[in-house]
Amino acid sequence: MAATITQLEARREALQAKVAKLEARLGRDEIPGTYVTGRDGVPARRHRQLDRQIERSIDQALEYKRAVEDLQSVEGKIKVIQQRPARARREDLVHRAQEELFTRINVGDLVKVGGNNPVEVARKNRKSITTSNGVRYGIYELFGIAS
């Protein structure tokens, strides 16, 4: 089931709040002081504590990354839904133009199909043409107009 735009907008608001919260937390776990990799007087307990702190900051960065990706995905879905009416009008205009061009084709005409040499139209009906080679092309296959 596709989500409605109101559901997506509610999800976007929740994700924006989550991203803002994670951004505020992200830099908080900076490593205090120098992190020494050897055993020159630093207790093992302190090393384990710093290791856990690094792991927490990595986990938070990954969670932040997932939240940002989810937010971008939701915003993309909202944009697609908002553009549907314009896309439908554009597709309708393209289909009408393709049909108009198709009506101009007559039997015996040379038609350039797919960048190859022009082919001769042997038969034509309402929806397609058949070339002298026996290959059949529909209206929307003939014209390379992206819809």
Foldseek 3Di string as FASTA:
>chain_A
DDDDLVVLVVVLVVLVVVLVVLVVVQVPLDDPDDDDPDPPPDDVVVNVVNVVSVVVNVVSVVVSVVSVVVNVVSVVVSVCVVCVVVVVVVVVVVVVVLLVVLVPDDQQDFADFPNDGTFGFHADDNFWTATPVGDIDGSVRRDPDDD
